[in-house]
Amino acid sequence: MSPEPILAPASVRLGLSPTSKEDAIRYCGQILVDAGAADPAYVDGMLAREKQISTYLGEGVAIPHGTNESRGHITRAALGFAQFPAGIDWDGKRAYVLIPIASATDEHVSILASLAEVLMDSDSAERLRTTSSVDEVLTLLAPQAD
């Protein structure tokens, strides 16, 4: 049996309605819980992280994730993807794409590096903000071979 993918098709949610930042973070946490990557207590860690430091990256993208203390609530590494075409107010900025991360080890560093590469390409970032295709999201966020 092959391992679960880091980003499964069921963890990609497109065309969501705008909401508050806190509700969006809770929604993203639930994506990770539904994927079997974390237990519900991890969501509290995601909210706590956001109070410590904003997870907004730029290009309309935020990467909600938990505190170091909440890592014990993670069962495996996983990503989610939540697209809000109308955007969410993220402390005065607009977030259109949220990519929640669950990682109990330092593997999230390489995940973040891969995400940053995709998101620094404004065309790819725009496609993530506007796509209506789960397959396109999976292709854009798939690890790139060196």
N, C-alpha and C. Protein backbone atom coordinates (compact mmCIF):
# COMPACT_ATOMS: atom_id res chain seq x y z
N MET A 1 0.83 -1.18 0.00
CA MET A 1 0.00 0.00 0.00
C MET A 1 0.88 1.25 0.00
N SER A 2 0.63 2.17 -0.93
CA SER A 2 1.47 3.37 -1.03
C SER A 2 1.07 4.38 0.05
N PRO A 3 2.03 5.20 0.47
CA PRO A 3 1.73 6.19 1.51
C PRO A 3 0.77 7.25 0.98
N GLU A 4 0.10 7.91 1.91
CA GLU A 4 -0.81 9.00 1.56
C GLU A 4 -0.01 10.12 0.90
N PRO A 5 -0.56 10.75 -0.14
CA PRO A 5 0.16 11.89 -0.72
C PRO A 5 0.15 13.07 0.25
N ILE A 6 1.14 13.93 0.13
CA ILE A 6 1.20 15.13 0.97
C ILE A 6 -0.04 16.00 0.72
N LEU A 7 -0.44 16.13 -0.55
CA LEU A 7 -1.64 16.88 -0.91
C LEU A 7 -2.55 15.97 -1.72
N ALA A 8 -3.62 15.50 -1.07
CA ALA A 8 -4.57 14.61 -1.73
C ALA A 8 -5.67 15.42 -2.41
N PRO A 9 -6.24 14.90 -3.51
CA PRO A 9 -7.32 15.62 -4.18
C PRO A 9 -8.47 16.02 -3.24
N ALA A 10 -8.79 15.17 -2.28
CA ALA A 10 -9.88 15.46 -1.35
C ALA A 10 -9.56 16.64 -0.43
N SER A 11 -8.29 17.03 -0.35
CA SER A 11 -7.88 18.15 0.51
C SER A 11 -7.79 19.48 -0.24
N VAL A 12 -8.23 19.47 -1.50
CA VAL A 12 -8.26 20.69 -2.31
C VAL A 12 -9.70 21.19 -2.35
N ARG A 13 -9.91 22.40 -1.88
CA ARG A 13 -11.26 23.00 -1.85
C ARG A 13 -11.23 24.30 -2.64
N LEU A 14 -12.05 24.38 -3.67
CA LEU A 14 -12.06 25.53 -4.57
C LEU A 14 -13.35 26.33 -4.47
N GLY A 15 -13.27 27.61 -4.83
CA GLY A 15 -14.47 28.44 -4.94
C GLY A 15 -15.21 28.68 -3.64
N LEU A 16 -14.48 28.81 -2.54
CA LEU A 16 -15.12 28.99 -1.23
C LEU A 16 -15.59 30.44 -1.04
N SER A 17 -16.61 30.61 -0.22
CA SER A 17 -17.15 31.94 0.07
C SER A 17 -16.28 32.63 1.11
N PRO A 18 -16.18 33.96 1.01
CA PRO A 18 -15.37 34.70 1.98
C PRO A 18 -15.89 34.50 3.40
N THR A 19 -14.99 34.59 4.33
CA THR A 19 -15.30 34.41 5.74
C THR A 19 -14.28 35.21 6.54
N SER A 20 -14.32 35.09 7.85
CA SER A 20 -13.31 35.77 8.67
C SER A 20 -12.00 34.97 8.62
N LYS A 21 -10.91 35.63 8.96
CA LYS A 21 -9.61 34.96 8.99
C LYS A 21 -9.65 33.79 9.97
N GLU A 22 -10.21 34.00 11.15
CA GLU A 22 -10.26 32.92 12.15
C GLU A 22 -11.06 31.73 11.65
N ASP A 23 -12.23 32.00 11.04
CA ASP A 23 -13.03 30.90 10.52
C ASP A 23 -12.31 30.18 9.38
N ALA A 24 -11.58 30.93 8.56
CA ALA A 24 -10.82 30.32 7.47
C ALA A 24 -9.72 29.40 8.02
N ILE A 25 -9.06 29.84 9.09
CA ILE A 25 -8.02 29.01 9.70
C ILE A 25 -8.66 27.74 10.28
N ARG A 26 -9.80 27.88 10.94
CA ARG A 26 -10.50 26.69 11.46
C ARG A 26 -10.87 25.75 10.31
N TYR A 27 -11.36 26.30 9.21
CA TYR A 27 -11.73 25.49 8.05
C TYR A 27 -10.50 24.73 7.52
N CYS A 28 -9.38 25.45 7.43
CA CYS A 28 -8.14 24.81 6.96
C CYS A 28 -7.69 23.71 7.91
N GLY A 29 -7.82 23.95 9.19
CA GLY A 29 -7.47 22.92 10.16
C GLY A 29 -8.33 21.68 9.98
N GLN A 30 -9.60 21.90 9.69
CA GLN A 30 -10.51 20.77 9.49
C GLN A 30 -10.13 19.97 8.25
N ILE A 31 -9.61 20.64 7.23
CA ILE A 31 -9.13 19.91 6.04
C ILE A 31 -8.05 18.91 6.46
N LEU A 32 -7.11 19.36 7.32
CA LEU A 32 -6.02 18.49 7.78
C LEU A 32 -6.55 17.37 8.67
N VAL A 33 -7.54 17.68 9.51
CA VAL A 33 -8.17 16.66 10.36
C VAL A 33 -8.87 15.63 9.48
N ASP A 34 -9.64 16.10 8.49
CA ASP A 34 -10.36 15.20 7.59
C ASP A 34 -9.41 14.29 6.80
N ALA A 35 -8.20 14.81 6.54
CA ALA A 35 -7.19 14.03 5.80
C ALA A 35 -6.50 12.99 6.69
N GLY A 36 -6.80 13.02 7.99
CA GLY A 36 -6.16 12.09 8.91
C GLY A 36 -4.74 12.51 9.26
N ALA A 37 -4.40 13.79 9.03
CA ALA A 37 -3.05 14.28 9.29
C ALA A 37 -2.89 14.88 10.68
N ALA A 38 -4.00 15.23 11.31
CA ALA A 38 -3.94 15.87 12.62
C ALA A 38 -5.23 15.60 13.39
N ASP A 39 -5.14 15.73 14.71
CA ASP A 39 -6.37 15.63 15.48
C ASP A 39 -6.92 17.06 15.70
N PRO A 40 -8.17 17.18 16.11
CA PRO A 40 -8.79 18.50 16.20
C PRO A 40 -8.05 19.53 17.07
N ALA A 41 -7.28 19.08 18.04
CA ALA A 41 -6.55 20.02 18.89
C ALA A 41 -5.49 20.80 18.11
N TYR A 42 -5.06 20.28 16.95
CA TYR A 42 -4.08 20.99 16.13
C TYR A 42 -4.63 22.33 15.65
N VAL A 43 -5.94 22.40 15.44
CA VAL A 43 -6.56 23.64 14.97
C VAL A 43 -6.30 24.77 15.97
N ASP A 44 -6.37 24.47 17.26
CA ASP A 44 -6.06 25.49 18.28
C ASP A 44 -4.62 25.97 18.14
N GLY A 45 -3.71 25.06 17.80
CA GLY A 45 -2.32 25.44 17.58
C GLY A 45 -2.16 26.33 16.36
N MET A 46 -3.00 26.12 15.34
CA MET A 46 -2.96 26.96 14.15
C MET A 46 -3.42 28.38 14.50
N LEU A 47 -4.47 28.48 15.30
CA LEU A 47 -4.96 29.80 15.73
C LEU A 47 -3.92 30.50 16.61
N ALA A 48 -3.27 29.73 17.48
CA ALA A 48 -2.24 30.30 18.36
C ALA A 48 -1.05 30.81 17.53
N ARG A 49 -0.65 30.07 16.51
CA ARG A 49 0.47 30.49 15.64
C ARG A 49 0.15 31.83 14.99
N GLU A 50 -1.07 31.97 14.51
CA GLU A 50 -1.46 33.20 13.82
C GLU A 50 -1.42 34.40 14.76
N LYS A 51 -1.69 34.17 16.05
CA LYS A 51 -1.60 35.25 17.04
C LYS A 51 -0.15 35.64 17.30
N GLN A 52 0.77 34.67 17.15
CA GLN A 52 2.20 34.93 17.36
C GLN A 52 2.79 35.71 16.18
N ILE A 53 2.48 35.24 14.99
CA ILE A 53 3.05 35.84 13.77
C ILE A 53 2.14 35.48 12.59
N SER A 54 1.96 36.44 11.71
CA SER A 54 1.10 36.21 10.55
C SER A 54 1.69 35.14 9.64
N THR A 55 0.82 34.30 9.11
CA THR A 55 1.26 33.27 8.17
C THR A 55 1.04 33.70 6.72
N TYR A 56 0.74 34.98 6.53
CA TYR A 56 0.58 35.52 5.18
C TYR A 56 1.95 35.59 4.50
N LEU A 57 2.05 35.02 3.28
CA LEU A 57 3.33 34.98 2.55
C LEU A 57 3.48 36.10 1.53
N GLY A 58 2.37 36.54 0.97
CA GLY A 58 2.40 37.45 -0.17
C GLY A 58 1.72 36.80 -1.35
N GLU A 59 1.57 37.56 -2.45
CA GLU A 59 0.90 37.05 -3.65
C GLU A 59 -0.49 36.49 -3.34
N GLY A 60 -1.14 36.99 -2.27
CA GLY A 60 -2.48 36.54 -1.93
C GLY A 60 -2.54 35.18 -1.27
N VAL A 61 -1.42 34.71 -0.72
CA VAL A 61 -1.34 33.36 -0.15
C VAL A 61 -0.93 33.40 1.32
N ALA A 62 -1.63 32.60 2.13
CA ALA A 62 -1.27 32.40 3.53
C ALA A 62 -1.07 30.90 3.74
N ILE A 63 -0.22 30.56 4.72
CA ILE A 63 0.07 29.16 4.99
C ILE A 63 -0.18 28.86 6.47
N PRO A 64 -1.44 28.76 6.86
CA PRO A 64 -1.73 28.49 8.28
C PRO A 64 -1.11 27.17 8.72
N HIS A 65 -0.46 27.21 9.88
CA HIS A 65 0.12 26.00 10.47
C HIS A 65 0.22 26.21 11.97
N GLY A 66 0.45 25.14 12.68
CA GLY A 66 0.43 25.18 14.14
C GLY A 66 1.75 25.62 14.75
N THR A 67 1.70 25.81 16.05
CA THR A 67 2.88 26.13 16.83
C THR A 67 3.74 24.88 17.00
N ASN A 68 4.98 25.07 17.42
CA ASN A 68 5.83 23.91 17.72
C ASN A 68 5.18 23.04 18.79
N GLU A 69 4.53 23.68 19.77
CA GLU A 69 3.89 22.93 20.86
C GLU A 69 2.73 22.07 20.38
N SER A 70 2.14 22.42 19.23
CA SER A 70 0.99 21.66 18.73
C SER A 70 1.39 20.48 17.84
N ARG A 71 2.70 20.30 17.60
CA ARG A 71 3.14 19.21 16.72
C ARG A 71 2.72 17.83 17.21
N GLY A 72 2.51 17.68 18.51
CA GLY A 72 2.09 16.40 19.05
C GLY A 72 0.71 15.97 18.57
N HIS A 73 -0.02 16.89 17.97
CA HIS A 73 -1.36 16.58 17.47
C HIS A 73 -1.36 16.20 15.99
N ILE A 74 -0.16 16.10 15.41
CA ILE A 74 -0.03 15.74 14.00
C ILE A 74 0.27 14.25 13.89
N THR A 75 -0.42 13.59 12.97
CA THR A 75 -0.20 12.15 12.77
C THR A 75 0.63 11.86 11.52
N ARG A 76 0.66 12.79 10.57
CA ARG A 76 1.48 12.64 9.36
C ARG A 76 1.58 13.99 8.65
N ALA A 77 2.57 14.12 7.80
CA ALA A 77 2.73 15.35 7.03
C ALA A 77 1.65 15.45 5.97
N ALA A 78 1.07 16.63 5.85
CA ALA A 78 0.05 16.85 4.82
C ALA A 78 -0.12 18.34 4.56
N LEU A 79 -0.63 18.63 3.38
CA LEU A 79 -1.04 19.97 3.00
C LEU A 79 -2.52 19.95 2.68
N GLY A 80 -3.12 21.11 2.76
CA GLY A 80 -4.46 21.32 2.26
C GLY A 80 -4.40 22.49 1.29
N PHE A 81 -5.51 22.78 0.65
CA PHE A 81 -5.59 23.91 -0.26
C PHE A 81 -7.01 24.44 -0.20
N ALA A 82 -7.14 25.72 0.13
CA ALA A 82 -8.47 26.35 0.21
C ALA A 82 -8.41 27.65 -0.57
N GLN A 83 -9.26 27.76 -1.59
CA GLN A 83 -9.26 28.92 -2.46
C GLN A 83 -10.51 29.76 -2.17
N PHE A 84 -10.29 31.04 -1.92
CA PHE A 84 -11.36 31.99 -1.65
C PHE A 84 -11.28 33.07 -2.73
N PRO A 85 -11.98 32.90 -3.87
CA PRO A 85 -11.84 33.83 -5.00
C PRO A 85 -12.11 35.30 -4.67
N ALA A 86 -12.99 35.58 -3.73
CA ALA A 86 -13.27 36.97 -3.35
C ALA A 86 -12.28 37.48 -2.30
N GLY A 87 -11.47 36.59 -1.78
CA GLY A 87 -10.45 36.96 -0.81
C GLY A 87 -10.97 37.08 0.62
N ILE A 88 -10.02 37.07 1.53
CA ILE A 88 -10.28 37.19 2.97
C ILE A 88 -9.37 38.31 3.48
N ASP A 89 -9.89 39.15 4.35
CA ASP A 89 -9.04 40.17 4.97
C ASP A 89 -8.07 39.47 5.91
N TRP A 90 -6.78 39.60 5.63
CA TRP A 90 -5.74 38.97 6.43
C TRP A 90 -4.89 40.10 7.03
N ASP A 91 -5.41 40.70 8.07
CA ASP A 91 -4.73 41.82 8.72
C ASP A 91 -4.38 42.94 7.74
N GLY A 92 -5.36 43.31 6.93
CA GLY A 92 -5.16 44.41 5.99
C GLY A 92 -4.67 43.99 4.62
N LYS A 93 -4.34 42.73 4.44
CA LYS A 93 -3.96 42.20 3.13
C LYS A 93 -5.09 41.28 2.67
N ARG A 94 -5.09 40.90 1.39
CA ARG A 94 -6.10 39.98 0.86
C ARG A 94 -5.46 38.62 0.63
N ALA A 95 -6.05 37.60 1.25
CA ALA A 95 -5.61 36.22 1.02
C ALA A 95 -6.68 35.52 0.19
N TYR A 96 -6.25 34.94 -0.92
CA TYR A 96 -7.16 34.22 -1.82
C TYR A 96 -6.93 32.71 -1.75
N VAL A 97 -5.72 32.34 -1.37
CA VAL A 97 -5.35 30.93 -1.30
C VAL A 97 -4.73 30.67 0.08
N LEU A 98 -5.25 29.66 0.76
CA LEU A 98 -4.70 29.23 2.05
C LEU A 98 -4.19 27.81 1.87
N ILE A 99 -2.96 27.59 2.31
CA ILE A 99 -2.36 26.26 2.19
C ILE A 99 -1.96 25.82 3.60
N PRO A 100 -2.89 25.13 4.28
CA PRO A 100 -2.56 24.67 5.64
C PRO A 100 -1.53 23.55 5.59
N ILE A 101 -0.67 23.54 6.60
CA ILE A 101 0.42 22.56 6.67
C ILE A 101 0.37 21.84 8.01
N ALA A 102 0.51 20.52 7.96
CA ALA A 102 0.72 19.70 9.16
C ALA A 102 2.05 18.99 8.97
N SER A 103 2.96 19.20 9.89
CA SER A 103 4.26 18.54 9.82
C SER A 103 4.83 18.46 11.22
N ALA A 104 5.13 17.25 11.66
CA ALA A 104 5.62 17.05 13.03
C ALA A 104 7.15 17.09 13.11
N THR A 105 7.80 17.15 11.96
CA THR A 105 9.27 17.20 11.94
C THR A 105 9.70 18.43 11.14
N ASP A 106 10.96 18.53 10.84
CA ASP A 106 11.43 19.67 10.05
C ASP A 106 11.18 19.49 8.55
N GLU A 107 10.43 18.44 8.18
CA GLU A 107 10.12 18.26 6.76
C GLU A 107 9.31 19.43 6.22
N HIS A 108 8.64 20.18 7.10
CA HIS A 108 7.87 21.33 6.62
C HIS A 108 8.77 22.40 6.00
N VAL A 109 10.05 22.41 6.36
CA VAL A 109 10.98 23.39 5.79
C VAL A 109 11.10 23.16 4.28
N SER A 110 11.24 21.91 3.86
CA SER A 110 11.32 21.64 2.42
C SER A 110 9.98 21.87 1.74
N ILE A 111 8.88 21.59 2.46
CA ILE A 111 7.55 21.86 1.92
C ILE A 111 7.41 23.36 1.67
N LEU A 112 7.80 24.16 2.65
CA LEU A 112 7.71 25.62 2.52
C LEU A 112 8.60 26.13 1.39
N ALA A 113 9.78 25.56 1.24
CA ALA A 113 10.68 25.98 0.17
C ALA A 113 10.05 25.70 -1.20
N SER A 114 9.43 24.54 -1.35
CA SER A 114 8.76 24.20 -2.61
C SER A 114 7.60 25.15 -2.88
N LEU A 115 6.82 25.43 -1.84
CA LEU A 115 5.69 26.35 -1.99
C LEU A 115 6.17 27.74 -2.39
N ALA A 116 7.22 28.21 -1.74
CA ALA A 116 7.74 29.55 -2.02
C ALA A 116 8.15 29.66 -3.48
N GLU A 117 8.77 28.60 -4.01
CA GLU A 117 9.19 28.61 -5.40
C GLU A 117 8.01 28.80 -6.34
N VAL A 118 6.94 28.05 -6.11
CA VAL A 118 5.74 28.15 -6.94
C VAL A 118 5.11 29.53 -6.78
N LEU A 119 5.02 29.99 -5.55
CA LEU A 119 4.30 31.23 -5.28
C LEU A 119 5.07 32.47 -5.72
N MET A 120 6.37 32.38 -5.85
CA MET A 120 7.14 33.52 -6.32
C MET A 120 6.98 33.72 -7.82
N ASP A 121 6.48 32.71 -8.50
CA ASP A 121 6.15 32.84 -9.91
C ASP A 121 4.74 33.42 -9.99
N SER A 122 4.62 34.69 -10.39
CA SER A 122 3.32 35.36 -10.32
C SER A 122 2.27 34.68 -11.20
N ASP A 123 2.69 34.07 -12.32
CA ASP A 123 1.72 33.36 -13.17
C ASP A 123 1.14 32.15 -12.44
N SER A 124 2.01 31.39 -11.78
CA SER A 124 1.53 30.22 -11.03
C SER A 124 0.64 30.65 -9.86
N ALA A 125 1.04 31.71 -9.17
CA ALA A 125 0.24 32.20 -8.05
C ALA A 125 -1.14 32.64 -8.55
N GLU A 126 -1.18 33.32 -9.69
CA GLU A 126 -2.45 33.76 -10.27
C GLU A 126 -3.32 32.55 -10.64
N ARG A 127 -2.70 31.53 -11.22
CA ARG A 127 -3.46 30.33 -11.58
C ARG A 127 -4.05 29.67 -10.34
N LEU A 128 -3.29 29.62 -9.24
CA LEU A 128 -3.81 29.04 -8.00
C LEU A 128 -4.99 29.85 -7.46
N ARG A 129 -4.93 31.17 -7.63
CA ARG A 129 -6.02 32.03 -7.13
C ARG A 129 -7.30 31.88 -7.95
N THR A 130 -7.17 31.51 -9.23
CA THR A 130 -8.33 31.56 -10.12
C THR A 130 -8.77 30.21 -10.69
N THR A 131 -8.01 29.16 -10.53
CA THR A 131 -8.35 27.88 -11.15
C THR A 131 -9.66 27.30 -10.60
N SER A 132 -10.31 26.53 -11.45
CA SER A 132 -11.48 25.77 -11.01
C SER A 132 -11.19 24.27 -11.15
N SER A 133 -9.90 23.93 -11.27
CA SER A 133 -9.49 22.55 -11.50
C SER A 133 -8.62 22.02 -10.35
N VAL A 134 -9.11 20.97 -9.69
CA VAL A 134 -8.32 20.32 -8.65
C VAL A 134 -7.02 19.78 -9.25
N ASP A 135 -7.09 19.21 -10.44
CA ASP A 135 -5.90 18.66 -11.08
C ASP A 135 -4.84 19.73 -11.32
N GLU A 136 -5.27 20.95 -11.69
CA GLU A 136 -4.30 22.02 -11.91
C GLU A 136 -3.60 22.39 -10.61
N VAL A 137 -4.36 22.44 -9.51
CA VAL A 137 -3.75 22.72 -8.21
C VAL A 137 -2.71 21.65 -7.89
N LEU A 138 -3.08 20.39 -8.05
CA LEU A 138 -2.15 19.29 -7.74
C LEU A 138 -0.90 19.37 -8.61
N THR A 139 -1.06 19.71 -9.88
CA THR A 139 0.09 19.83 -10.78
C THR A 139 0.98 20.99 -10.38
N LEU A 140 0.39 22.14 -10.09
CA LEU A 140 1.17 23.32 -9.72
C LEU A 140 1.93 23.12 -8.42
N LEU A 141 1.35 22.39 -7.48
CA LEU A 141 1.97 22.23 -6.17
C LEU A 141 2.77 20.94 -6.03
N ALA A 142 2.80 20.13 -7.09
CA ALA A 142 3.59 18.88 -7.03
C ALA A 142 5.06 19.23 -6.89
N PRO A 143 5.79 18.44 -6.07
CA PRO A 143 7.23 18.70 -5.96
C PRO A 143 7.89 18.65 -7.32
N GLN A 144 8.74 19.61 -7.58
CA GLN A 144 9.45 19.68 -8.86
C GLN A 144 10.72 18.86 -8.79
N ALA A 145 10.97 18.05 -9.81
CA ALA A 145 12.21 17.27 -9.86
C ALA A 145 13.36 18.22 -10.19
N ASP A 146 14.50 18.00 -9.56
CA ASP A 146 15.66 18.86 -9.83
C ASP A 146 16.38 18.42 -11.07
